Amino acid sequence: MTLIELAAEAEQKSAEVTDWAGRLGWVAGLLLFIAFVYWLMRQGWKWRGSLQSDLPELPGMPENAGEARLKLSGRYHGSTTAGQWLDRIVAHGLGTRSRVELTLTDAGIEVVRPGANDFFVPAAALREARLDKGIAGKVLAEGGLLIVTWAHGEKLLDSGFRSDRAAEHATWVETLNSMIKTTEGTAR
C-alpha cells in the first residue's frame, strides 16, 4: 500500500463529530476540574501561612550594615523548618522563590529579592551554613544548594540559595561558619 492509499483508507474510517455538545461538555468539565485543583492548591498555601502566623515579622535592613565581605547573585529557593527539608515556611513571603542578591557583612546577611520581600539575617541569629542537595520544591546534585540555618523568633529556619556560580558556595560556607564560631561566645 502506498501512502496515498493509507490516507484514503484513514479518511474512510474516520467519522465526523456529530455530538458537539457532548465534546464541549467534556472539555468544560476538564477545565473546571483543573481550576478546582488550582483553587485547592491556593487554599492549602493560605492555610499553611495561617498556621505559621506566629512567626514574627522579618528583620529589616540595618542603617549601617558595614562593609561587604562576600556577595552572591543567584536564586532563593525558599525556607523550611531547620532539619525538615520538606516543611516549607510560607509566612511573610519566605516560601516565594525568586532571584536573590546576598551580601554578607559583619552585621549579618542582607537578602535582596526583586519582586519579593527583602529581609536581613542578623549575625547573632546565624547558626550554621552547609552545602546540601535539596530543600522543599528543589532537589539538585549533592552540594548544589547553600543552606543557611538561622534563628527567627523561637524557630530555627533553613534558607536555601543557589549561586549563579556554584563554586562560590564553599567560600560562603567557610566564611559563615568561621563568623558563627567567633560569635558563639556572645549571647544569642
N, C-alpha and C. Protein backbone atom coordinates (compact mmCIF):
# COMPACT_ATOMS: atom_id res chain seq x y z
N MET A 1 0.84 -1.19 0.00
CA MET A 1 0.00 0.00 0.00
C MET A 1 0.88 1.25 0.00
N THR A 2 0.46 2.21 -0.77
CA THR A 2 1.20 3.47 -0.82
C THR A 2 0.66 4.40 0.27
N LEU A 3 1.38 5.46 0.44
CA LEU A 3 0.99 6.45 1.46
C LEU A 3 -0.37 7.07 1.12
N ILE A 4 -0.61 7.29 -0.16
CA ILE A 4 -1.88 7.90 -0.58
C ILE A 4 -3.04 6.94 -0.29
N GLU A 5 -2.84 5.66 -0.55
CA GLU A 5 -3.90 4.69 -0.28
C GLU A 5 -4.20 4.59 1.22
N LEU A 6 -3.12 4.67 2.05
CA LEU A 6 -3.32 4.63 3.51
C LEU A 6 -4.11 5.84 3.99
N ALA A 7 -3.79 7.01 3.44
CA ALA A 7 -4.51 8.24 3.82
C ALA A 7 -5.97 8.15 3.41
N ALA A 8 -6.22 7.63 2.24
CA ALA A 8 -7.61 7.50 1.77
C ALA A 8 -8.38 6.53 2.66
N GLU A 9 -7.74 5.43 3.05
CA GLU A 9 -8.39 4.46 3.92
C GLU A 9 -8.69 5.06 5.29
N ALA A 10 -7.75 5.88 5.81
CA ALA A 10 -7.95 6.52 7.11
C ALA A 10 -9.10 7.50 7.06
N GLU A 11 -9.26 8.21 5.95
CA GLU A 11 -10.37 9.15 5.81
C GLU A 11 -11.70 8.42 5.81
N GLN A 12 -11.73 7.26 5.18
CA GLN A 12 -12.98 6.49 5.12
C GLN A 12 -13.38 5.97 6.49
N LYS A 13 -12.39 5.63 7.34
CA LYS A 13 -12.69 5.09 8.66
C LYS A 13 -13.04 6.17 9.68
N SER A 14 -12.58 7.40 9.46
CA SER A 14 -12.81 8.49 10.41
C SER A 14 -14.22 9.03 10.23
N ALA A 15 -14.92 9.13 11.32
CA ALA A 15 -16.29 9.64 11.27
C ALA A 15 -16.30 11.09 11.70
N GLU A 16 -17.24 11.82 11.19
CA GLU A 16 -17.39 13.21 11.59
C GLU A 16 -17.94 13.30 13.00
N VAL A 17 -17.57 14.38 13.68
CA VAL A 17 -18.09 14.59 15.03
C VAL A 17 -19.52 15.10 14.89
N THR A 18 -20.43 14.37 15.48
CA THR A 18 -21.84 14.77 15.41
C THR A 18 -22.36 15.23 16.77
N ASP A 19 -21.65 14.86 17.83
CA ASP A 19 -22.11 15.19 19.18
C ASP A 19 -21.23 16.31 19.76
N TRP A 20 -21.36 17.51 19.20
CA TRP A 20 -20.54 18.64 19.66
C TRP A 20 -20.87 19.01 21.11
N ALA A 21 -22.09 18.92 21.50
CA ALA A 21 -22.47 19.27 22.87
C ALA A 21 -21.78 18.36 23.87
N GLY A 22 -21.70 17.08 23.57
CA GLY A 22 -21.02 16.14 24.46
C GLY A 22 -19.53 16.44 24.57
N ARG A 23 -18.92 16.72 23.41
CA ARG A 23 -17.48 17.03 23.43
C ARG A 23 -17.19 18.31 24.20
N LEU A 24 -17.98 19.33 23.92
CA LEU A 24 -17.78 20.61 24.62
C LEU A 24 -18.04 20.45 26.12
N GLY A 25 -19.00 19.61 26.49
CA GLY A 25 -19.27 19.35 27.90
C GLY A 25 -18.07 18.71 28.59
N TRP A 26 -17.44 17.74 27.91
CA TRP A 26 -16.23 17.10 28.48
C TRP A 26 -15.09 18.10 28.62
N VAL A 27 -14.88 18.95 27.63
CA VAL A 27 -13.81 19.95 27.69
C VAL A 27 -14.09 20.94 28.82
N ALA A 28 -15.34 21.42 28.93
CA ALA A 28 -15.69 22.35 30.01
C ALA A 28 -15.50 21.69 31.37
N GLY A 29 -15.91 20.43 31.50
CA GLY A 29 -15.72 19.71 32.76
C GLY A 29 -14.26 19.57 33.13
N LEU A 30 -13.42 19.27 32.14
CA LEU A 30 -11.98 19.16 32.40
C LEU A 30 -11.39 20.49 32.84
N LEU A 31 -11.78 21.57 32.18
CA LEU A 31 -11.29 22.90 32.57
C LEU A 31 -11.74 23.27 33.99
N LEU A 32 -12.98 22.96 34.33
CA LEU A 32 -13.46 23.22 35.69
C LEU A 32 -12.69 22.40 36.72
N PHE A 33 -12.38 21.16 36.40
CA PHE A 33 -11.62 20.31 37.31
C PHE A 33 -10.22 20.88 37.53
N ILE A 34 -9.57 21.33 36.46
CA ILE A 34 -8.23 21.93 36.59
C ILE A 34 -8.29 23.20 37.43
N ALA A 35 -9.29 24.04 37.20
CA ALA A 35 -9.45 25.26 38.00
C ALA A 35 -9.68 24.93 39.47
N PHE A 36 -10.47 23.89 39.74
CA PHE A 36 -10.74 23.47 41.12
C PHE A 36 -9.45 23.00 41.81
N VAL A 37 -8.63 22.23 41.11
CA VAL A 37 -7.37 21.75 41.68
C VAL A 37 -6.45 22.94 42.01
N TYR A 38 -6.36 23.92 41.11
CA TYR A 38 -5.54 25.10 41.40
C TYR A 38 -6.10 25.89 42.58
N TRP A 39 -7.41 25.99 42.69
CA TRP A 39 -8.02 26.68 43.83
C TRP A 39 -7.68 25.96 45.13
N LEU A 40 -7.74 24.61 45.13
CA LEU A 40 -7.37 23.84 46.32
C LEU A 40 -5.90 24.06 46.70
N MET A 41 -5.03 24.12 45.71
CA MET A 41 -3.61 24.36 45.99
C MET A 41 -3.42 25.73 46.63
N ARG A 42 -4.13 26.75 46.13
CA ARG A 42 -4.03 28.10 46.70
C ARG A 42 -4.55 28.12 48.13
N GLN A 43 -5.66 27.43 48.37
CA GLN A 43 -6.20 27.37 49.73
C GLN A 43 -5.22 26.69 50.67
N GLY A 44 -4.56 25.63 50.21
CA GLY A 44 -3.56 24.96 51.03
C GLY A 44 -2.39 25.87 51.37
N TRP A 45 -1.96 26.67 50.40
CA TRP A 45 -0.86 27.62 50.63
C TRP A 45 -1.28 28.66 51.67
N LYS A 46 -2.52 29.19 51.56
CA LYS A 46 -3.01 30.18 52.52
C LYS A 46 -3.17 29.55 53.91
N TRP A 47 -3.64 28.30 53.96
CA TRP A 47 -3.81 27.61 55.23
C TRP A 47 -2.46 27.42 55.91
N ARG A 48 -1.43 27.02 55.14
CA ARG A 48 -0.08 26.86 55.70
C ARG A 48 0.42 28.20 56.25
N GLY A 49 0.16 29.28 55.54
CA GLY A 49 0.56 30.61 56.01
C GLY A 49 -0.13 30.98 57.31
N SER A 50 -1.41 30.64 57.45
CA SER A 50 -2.12 30.96 58.70
C SER A 50 -1.61 30.10 59.86
N LEU A 51 -1.20 28.85 59.58
CA LEU A 51 -0.61 28.01 60.64
C LEU A 51 0.72 28.58 61.13
N GLN A 52 1.42 29.30 60.26
CA GLN A 52 2.72 29.85 60.61
C GLN A 52 2.63 31.33 61.00
N SER A 53 1.45 31.79 61.35
CA SER A 53 1.25 33.20 61.67
C SER A 53 1.96 33.62 62.96
N ASP A 54 2.41 32.66 63.77
CA ASP A 54 3.14 33.01 65.00
C ASP A 54 4.58 33.44 64.70
N LEU A 55 5.03 33.26 63.48
CA LEU A 55 6.38 33.67 63.09
C LEU A 55 6.43 35.20 63.06
N PRO A 56 7.41 35.82 63.75
CA PRO A 56 7.46 37.29 63.76
C PRO A 56 7.81 37.86 62.39
N GLU A 57 7.60 39.16 62.24
CA GLU A 57 7.97 39.85 61.00
C GLU A 57 9.46 39.66 60.73
N LEU A 58 9.82 39.69 59.47
CA LEU A 58 11.23 39.53 59.08
C LEU A 58 12.01 40.79 59.44
N PRO A 59 13.26 40.61 59.90
CA PRO A 59 14.08 41.78 60.23
C PRO A 59 14.36 42.60 58.97
N GLY A 60 14.32 43.92 59.12
CA GLY A 60 14.64 44.82 58.01
C GLY A 60 16.14 45.07 57.92
N MET A 61 16.53 45.72 56.87
CA MET A 61 17.94 46.05 56.66
C MET A 61 18.38 47.11 57.66
N PRO A 62 19.55 46.92 58.28
CA PRO A 62 20.03 47.94 59.21
C PRO A 62 20.55 49.16 58.45
N GLU A 63 20.60 50.28 59.15
CA GLU A 63 21.09 51.52 58.54
C GLU A 63 22.53 51.38 58.08
N ASN A 64 23.38 50.86 58.97
CA ASN A 64 24.79 50.74 58.64
C ASN A 64 25.22 49.29 58.88
N ALA A 65 25.16 48.50 57.84
CA ALA A 65 25.50 47.08 57.97
C ALA A 65 27.00 46.85 57.90
N GLY A 66 27.73 47.83 57.48
CA GLY A 66 29.18 47.67 57.36
C GLY A 66 29.59 47.30 55.95
N GLU A 67 30.87 47.00 55.82
CA GLU A 67 31.44 46.69 54.51
C GLU A 67 31.11 45.26 54.09
N ALA A 68 30.87 45.09 52.82
CA ALA A 68 30.53 43.76 52.28
C ALA A 68 31.74 42.84 52.31
N ARG A 69 31.57 41.66 52.91
CA ARG A 69 32.63 40.65 52.94
C ARG A 69 32.51 39.71 51.74
N LEU A 70 31.29 39.33 51.40
CA LEU A 70 31.01 38.46 50.26
C LEU A 70 29.72 38.91 49.59
N LYS A 71 29.63 38.66 48.28
CA LYS A 71 28.40 38.91 47.53
C LYS A 71 28.09 37.68 46.70
N LEU A 72 26.80 37.45 46.49
CA LEU A 72 26.35 36.31 45.71
C LEU A 72 25.10 36.69 44.93
N SER A 73 25.09 36.36 43.66
CA SER A 73 23.89 36.52 42.83
C SER A 73 23.40 35.13 42.47
N GLY A 74 22.09 34.93 42.53
CA GLY A 74 21.57 33.61 42.21
C GLY A 74 20.09 33.53 42.43
N ARG A 75 19.65 32.40 43.03
CA ARG A 75 18.24 32.15 43.28
C ARG A 75 18.01 31.79 44.74
N TYR A 76 16.90 32.30 45.26
CA TYR A 76 16.42 31.93 46.58
C TYR A 76 15.37 30.85 46.36
N HIS A 77 15.54 29.68 46.97
CA HIS A 77 14.62 28.57 46.74
C HIS A 77 13.64 28.35 47.87
N GLY A 78 13.71 29.14 48.93
CA GLY A 78 12.73 29.02 49.99
C GLY A 78 13.36 28.71 51.33
N SER A 79 12.51 28.70 52.34
CA SER A 79 12.94 28.41 53.71
C SER A 79 12.07 27.29 54.27
N THR A 80 12.67 26.49 55.13
CA THR A 80 11.97 25.39 55.78
C THR A 80 12.31 25.41 57.27
N THR A 81 11.57 24.62 58.03
CA THR A 81 11.93 24.41 59.43
C THR A 81 13.28 23.68 59.43
N ALA A 82 14.21 24.12 60.27
CA ALA A 82 15.55 23.54 60.28
C ALA A 82 15.50 22.03 60.49
N GLY A 83 16.23 21.32 59.64
CA GLY A 83 16.30 19.87 59.75
C GLY A 83 15.15 19.13 59.10
N GLN A 84 14.14 19.85 58.64
CA GLN A 84 12.98 19.23 57.99
C GLN A 84 12.84 19.83 56.59
N TRP A 85 13.58 19.29 55.65
CA TRP A 85 13.74 19.90 54.34
C TRP A 85 12.46 19.96 53.51
N LEU A 86 11.38 19.31 53.94
CA LEU A 86 10.12 19.39 53.20
C LEU A 86 9.06 20.27 53.87
N ASP A 87 9.34 20.79 55.07
CA ASP A 87 8.38 21.62 55.81
C ASP A 87 8.57 23.09 55.43
N ARG A 88 8.02 23.46 54.28
CA ARG A 88 8.21 24.81 53.74
C ARG A 88 7.57 25.87 54.64
N ILE A 89 8.27 26.97 54.81
CA ILE A 89 7.74 28.14 55.53
C ILE A 89 7.23 29.11 54.47
N VAL A 90 5.94 29.48 54.55
CA VAL A 90 5.37 30.40 53.56
C VAL A 90 5.02 31.76 54.16
N ALA A 91 5.00 31.87 55.48
CA ALA A 91 4.64 33.13 56.14
C ALA A 91 5.65 34.23 55.76
N HIS A 92 5.16 35.43 55.61
CA HIS A 92 5.95 36.62 55.31
C HIS A 92 6.71 36.51 53.98
N GLY A 93 6.23 35.70 53.08
CA GLY A 93 6.86 35.60 51.77
C GLY A 93 8.08 34.71 51.70
N LEU A 94 8.37 33.97 52.79
CA LEU A 94 9.57 33.12 52.79
C LEU A 94 9.43 31.90 51.87
N GLY A 95 8.22 31.60 51.42
CA GLY A 95 8.04 30.47 50.52
C GLY A 95 8.13 30.84 49.05
N THR A 96 8.29 32.13 48.76
CA THR A 96 8.33 32.60 47.38
C THR A 96 9.72 32.49 46.80
N ARG A 97 9.84 31.69 45.75
CA ARG A 97 11.13 31.60 45.05
C ARG A 97 11.37 32.88 44.26
N SER A 98 12.64 33.25 44.15
CA SER A 98 12.94 34.49 43.43
C SER A 98 14.44 34.56 43.13
N ARG A 99 14.78 35.54 42.32
CA ARG A 99 16.19 35.89 42.16
C ARG A 99 16.64 36.46 43.51
N VAL A 100 17.94 36.45 43.75
CA VAL A 100 18.43 36.95 45.03
C VAL A 100 19.81 37.57 44.86
N GLU A 101 20.06 38.59 45.66
CA GLU A 101 21.38 39.18 45.81
C GLU A 101 21.69 39.09 47.31
N LEU A 102 22.67 38.25 47.67
CA LEU A 102 23.09 38.12 49.06
C LEU A 102 24.34 38.95 49.29
N THR A 103 24.37 39.63 50.41
CA THR A 103 25.56 40.38 50.80
C THR A 103 25.85 40.03 52.25
N LEU A 104 27.05 39.50 52.50
CA LEU A 104 27.48 39.19 53.86
C LEU A 104 28.30 40.35 54.39
N THR A 105 27.87 40.88 55.54
CA THR A 105 28.61 41.93 56.24
C THR A 105 28.87 41.45 57.66
N ASP A 106 29.59 42.24 58.43
CA ASP A 106 29.82 41.88 59.83
C ASP A 106 28.52 41.86 60.64
N ALA A 107 27.50 42.61 60.17
CA ALA A 107 26.22 42.67 60.87
C ALA A 107 25.33 41.47 60.55
N GLY A 108 25.56 40.80 59.41
CA GLY A 108 24.73 39.66 59.02
C GLY A 108 24.62 39.52 57.51
N ILE A 109 23.53 38.91 57.07
CA ILE A 109 23.31 38.66 55.64
C ILE A 109 22.12 39.49 55.17
N GLU A 110 22.36 40.33 54.16
CA GLU A 110 21.29 41.08 53.51
C GLU A 110 20.76 40.22 52.38
N VAL A 111 19.47 39.95 52.37
CA VAL A 111 18.83 39.14 51.33
C VAL A 111 17.90 40.06 50.55
N VAL A 112 18.32 40.42 49.35
CA VAL A 112 17.54 41.32 48.49
C VAL A 112 16.92 40.48 47.38
N ARG A 113 15.57 40.50 47.34
CA ARG A 113 14.83 39.67 46.38
C ARG A 113 13.91 40.55 45.55
N PRO A 114 14.25 40.79 44.28
CA PRO A 114 13.35 41.58 43.42
C PRO A 114 12.00 40.88 43.27
N GLY A 115 10.93 41.61 43.51
CA GLY A 115 9.60 41.04 43.38
C GLY A 115 9.12 40.27 44.61
N ALA A 116 9.92 40.21 45.65
CA ALA A 116 9.54 39.52 46.89
C ALA A 116 10.07 40.32 48.07
N ASN A 117 9.68 39.92 49.28
CA ASN A 117 10.11 40.65 50.48
C ASN A 117 11.61 40.47 50.73
N ASP A 118 12.32 41.59 50.88
CA ASP A 118 13.72 41.55 51.29
C ASP A 118 13.75 41.31 52.79
N PHE A 119 14.83 40.72 53.27
CA PHE A 119 14.98 40.56 54.71
C PHE A 119 16.45 40.53 55.07
N PHE A 120 16.70 40.57 56.37
CA PHE A 120 18.05 40.61 56.90
C PHE A 120 18.18 39.52 57.96
N VAL A 121 19.29 38.78 57.89
CA VAL A 121 19.57 37.76 58.91
C VAL A 121 20.71 38.30 59.77
N PRO A 122 20.43 38.73 61.01
CA PRO A 122 21.50 39.27 61.86
C PRO A 122 22.57 38.21 62.16
N ALA A 123 23.80 38.66 62.32
CA ALA A 123 24.91 37.74 62.60
C ALA A 123 24.65 36.91 63.85
N ALA A 124 24.00 37.51 64.85
CA ALA A 124 23.72 36.77 66.09
C ALA A 124 22.70 35.65 65.88
N ALA A 125 21.91 35.74 64.81
CA ALA A 125 20.90 34.71 64.54
C ALA A 125 21.45 33.55 63.71
N LEU A 126 22.61 33.71 63.12
CA LEU A 126 23.19 32.65 62.29
C LEU A 126 23.61 31.47 63.15
N ARG A 127 23.29 30.25 62.68
CA ARG A 127 23.64 29.04 63.42
C ARG A 127 24.58 28.12 62.66
N GLU A 128 24.41 28.01 61.34
CA GLU A 128 25.21 27.07 60.56
C GLU A 128 25.05 27.38 59.08
N ALA A 129 26.07 27.03 58.31
CA ALA A 129 25.99 27.06 56.85
C ALA A 129 26.54 25.73 56.35
N ARG A 130 25.88 25.19 55.32
CA ARG A 130 26.32 23.91 54.77
C ARG A 130 25.89 23.80 53.32
N LEU A 131 26.48 22.83 52.65
CA LEU A 131 26.04 22.50 51.29
C LEU A 131 25.12 21.29 51.38
N ASP A 132 24.06 21.32 50.62
CA ASP A 132 23.10 20.21 50.65
C ASP A 132 22.55 20.02 49.24
N LYS A 133 21.73 18.99 49.09
CA LYS A 133 21.20 18.71 47.76
C LYS A 133 19.74 19.10 47.58
N GLY A 134 19.04 19.45 48.64
CA GLY A 134 17.64 19.77 48.45
C GLY A 134 17.00 20.58 49.55
N ILE A 135 15.93 21.25 49.17
CA ILE A 135 15.06 21.98 50.08
C ILE A 135 13.67 21.89 49.44
N ALA A 136 12.62 22.09 50.17
CA ALA A 136 11.25 21.89 49.66
C ALA A 136 11.08 22.48 48.26
N GLY A 137 10.74 21.63 47.32
CA GLY A 137 10.48 22.09 45.97
C GLY A 137 11.69 22.15 45.06
N LYS A 138 12.89 21.85 45.57
CA LYS A 138 14.08 21.92 44.72
C LYS A 138 15.09 20.87 45.18
N VAL A 139 15.46 19.99 44.26
CA VAL A 139 16.48 18.99 44.53
C VAL A 139 17.52 19.08 43.42
N LEU A 140 18.78 19.16 43.81
CA LEU A 140 19.89 19.28 42.87
C LEU A 140 20.92 18.21 43.17
N ALA A 141 22.02 18.26 42.46
CA ALA A 141 23.13 17.35 42.74
C ALA A 141 23.68 17.64 44.14
N GLU A 142 24.35 16.67 44.72
CA GLU A 142 24.93 16.83 46.06
C GLU A 142 25.78 18.10 46.13
N GLY A 143 25.51 18.93 47.13
CA GLY A 143 26.25 20.18 47.30
C GLY A 143 25.79 21.31 46.40
N GLY A 144 24.65 21.16 45.75
CA GLY A 144 24.18 22.16 44.81
C GLY A 144 23.49 23.35 45.45
N LEU A 145 23.14 23.26 46.73
CA LEU A 145 22.47 24.36 47.42
C LEU A 145 23.27 24.82 48.63
N LEU A 146 23.31 26.12 48.82
CA LEU A 146 23.87 26.71 50.03
C LEU A 146 22.71 26.84 51.01
N ILE A 147 22.80 26.14 52.13
CA ILE A 147 21.76 26.19 53.16
C ILE A 147 22.30 26.96 54.36
N VAL A 148 21.56 28.00 54.74
CA VAL A 148 21.92 28.82 55.90
C VAL A 148 20.88 28.58 56.99
N THR A 149 21.32 28.10 58.14
CA THR A 149 20.42 27.88 59.28
C THR A 149 20.49 29.12 60.17
N TRP A 150 19.32 29.66 60.54
CA TRP A 150 19.27 30.87 61.35
C TRP A 150 18.05 30.86 62.25
N ALA A 151 18.15 31.58 63.35
CA ALA A 151 17.05 31.65 64.32
C ALA A 151 16.17 32.85 63.99
N HIS A 152 14.87 32.60 63.96
CA HIS A 152 13.90 33.68 63.75
C HIS A 152 12.79 33.49 64.76
N GLY A 153 12.78 34.36 65.74
CA GLY A 153 11.84 34.19 66.84
C GLY A 153 12.23 32.94 67.62
N GLU A 154 11.27 32.06 67.86
CA GLU A 154 11.52 30.82 68.59
C GLU A 154 11.84 29.65 67.65
N LYS A 155 11.96 29.93 66.37
CA LYS A 155 12.09 28.86 65.38
C LYS A 155 13.44 28.92 64.66
N LEU A 156 14.01 27.75 64.40
CA LEU A 156 15.21 27.67 63.56
C LEU A 156 14.77 27.40 62.13
N LEU A 157 15.31 28.18 61.19
CA LEU A 157 14.95 28.05 59.79
C LEU A 157 16.17 27.68 58.95
N ASP A 158 15.95 26.93 57.89
CA ASP A 158 16.95 26.67 56.86
C ASP A 158 16.50 27.43 55.62
N SER A 159 17.37 28.29 55.09
CA SER A 159 17.07 29.00 53.85
C SER A 159 18.01 28.50 52.78
N GLY A 160 17.47 28.21 51.60
CA GLY A 160 18.26 27.63 50.52
C GLY A 160 18.53 28.62 49.40
N PHE A 161 19.80 28.70 49.01
CA PHE A 161 20.24 29.61 47.95
C PHE A 161 21.08 28.83 46.94
N ARG A 162 21.01 29.25 45.69
CA ARG A 162 21.85 28.66 44.65
C ARG A 162 22.49 29.81 43.89
N SER A 163 23.81 29.84 43.91
CA SER A 163 24.55 30.89 43.23
C SER A 163 24.57 30.64 41.73
N ASP A 164 24.68 31.71 40.97
CA ASP A 164 24.87 31.57 39.53
C ASP A 164 26.22 30.92 39.23
N ARG A 165 27.15 31.05 40.17
CA ARG A 165 28.47 30.42 40.07
C ARG A 165 28.63 29.50 41.28
N ALA A 166 28.32 28.23 41.11
CA ALA A 166 28.26 27.26 42.21
C ALA A 166 29.59 27.13 42.96
N ALA A 167 30.70 27.51 42.34
CA ALA A 167 32.00 27.41 43.01
C ALA A 167 32.06 28.35 44.21
N GLU A 168 31.20 29.36 44.28
CA GLU A 168 31.18 30.31 45.40
C GLU A 168 30.63 29.69 46.69
N HIS A 169 29.85 28.62 46.57
CA HIS A 169 29.19 28.02 47.74
C HIS A 169 30.18 27.66 48.84
N ALA A 170 31.28 27.02 48.49
CA ALA A 170 32.25 26.58 49.51
C ALA A 170 32.83 27.77 50.27
N THR A 171 33.11 28.87 49.58
CA THR A 171 33.63 30.07 50.24
C THR A 171 32.61 30.63 51.22
N TRP A 172 31.34 30.63 50.83
CA TRP A 172 30.29 31.12 51.71
C TRP A 172 30.17 30.25 52.96
N VAL A 173 30.20 28.94 52.78
CA VAL A 173 30.08 28.03 53.92
C VAL A 173 31.25 28.25 54.88
N GLU A 174 32.45 28.32 54.36
CA GLU A 174 33.64 28.51 55.20
C GLU A 174 33.60 29.84 55.93
N THR A 175 33.26 30.91 55.22
CA THR A 175 33.22 32.25 55.82
C THR A 175 32.12 32.35 56.87
N LEU A 176 30.92 31.85 56.55
CA LEU A 176 29.81 31.92 57.51
C LEU A 176 30.11 31.11 58.77
N ASN A 177 30.61 29.88 58.60
CA ASN A 177 30.88 29.05 59.78
C ASN A 177 32.00 29.64 60.64
N SER A 178 33.00 30.25 60.04
CA SER A 178 34.05 30.89 60.86
C SER A 178 33.49 32.13 61.56
N MET A 179 32.60 32.85 60.89
CA MET A 179 31.95 34.01 61.51
C MET A 179 31.08 33.58 62.68
N ILE A 180 30.36 32.46 62.53
CA ILE A 180 29.50 31.94 63.61
C ILE A 180 30.33 31.51 64.80
N LYS A 181 31.47 30.86 64.55
CA LYS A 181 32.33 30.41 65.64
C LYS A 181 32.89 31.57 66.45
N THR A 182 33.17 32.69 65.78
CA THR A 182 33.71 33.85 66.51
C THR A 182 32.63 34.55 67.34
N THR A 183 31.34 34.36 66.97
CA THR A 183 30.26 34.99 67.73
C THR A 183 29.60 34.03 68.73
N GLU A 184 30.09 32.79 68.82
CA GLU A 184 29.47 31.82 69.74
C GLU A 184 29.56 32.26 71.20
N GLY A 185 30.58 33.00 71.55
CA GLY A 185 30.73 33.43 72.93
C GLY A 185 29.74 34.50 73.34
N THR A 186 29.15 35.19 72.36
CA THR A 186 28.18 36.26 72.68
C THR A 186 26.81 35.64 72.90
N ALA A 187 25.99 36.35 73.64
CA ALA A 187 24.62 35.86 73.94
C ALA A 187 23.80 35.87 72.68
N ARG A 188 23.00 34.83 72.48
CA ARG A 188 22.13 34.76 71.30
C ARG A 188 20.72 34.92 71.72
